């Protein structure tokens, strides 16, 4: 498989694409492309029609890119169609590990809140995730389970204050946990 650069004007959206990209999805793809660049090529057929990556192509056009990385498949028409559907469906069938996702997004948010957006989530979604996964009773259980000889629990007024305190305490070499 060989990756090549092609002018965007030479690559065409699949008119029969069964996956729709709404504005929220395109904004997430654009944020990712802006932050990380194109990290994987789109897949095109011998007629330069996108098999996998229509959203990436649309986002790249919206960002004003002139070229894009592609890989050309040798799959026949029916196999290419089945692959295009499988490419979307297999991702859709996966499940999030909500707790691990929340921890990773929270860590990204503390490092740089723009990383949360680049990962496709809003700060509001992260807040809802935190609120949904860790309720008052769970916090009490964590506090009881985690209490050691010298502990401090702080309720912050906002995420900025949380970020500031977390970084300060961590910078002092203290063990810090987000709850």
Foldseek 3Di string as FASTA:
>chain_A
DDKDKDFLVQAAEDPPQPDDQDPLNLQLLLLLCVVPNDPDFFEAEPSRYTLGQNSNSVSCVVVVHGITIYDYDDDDDVVSNVVSVCVVVVVVPDDDPLVVVLVVLLVVCLVPPSVNSNNSHHVVRSVVSCCVVDDPVNVVVCCVVVDDPDDDDDDDPDSVVVSVVQVVCVVVVHDDDDD
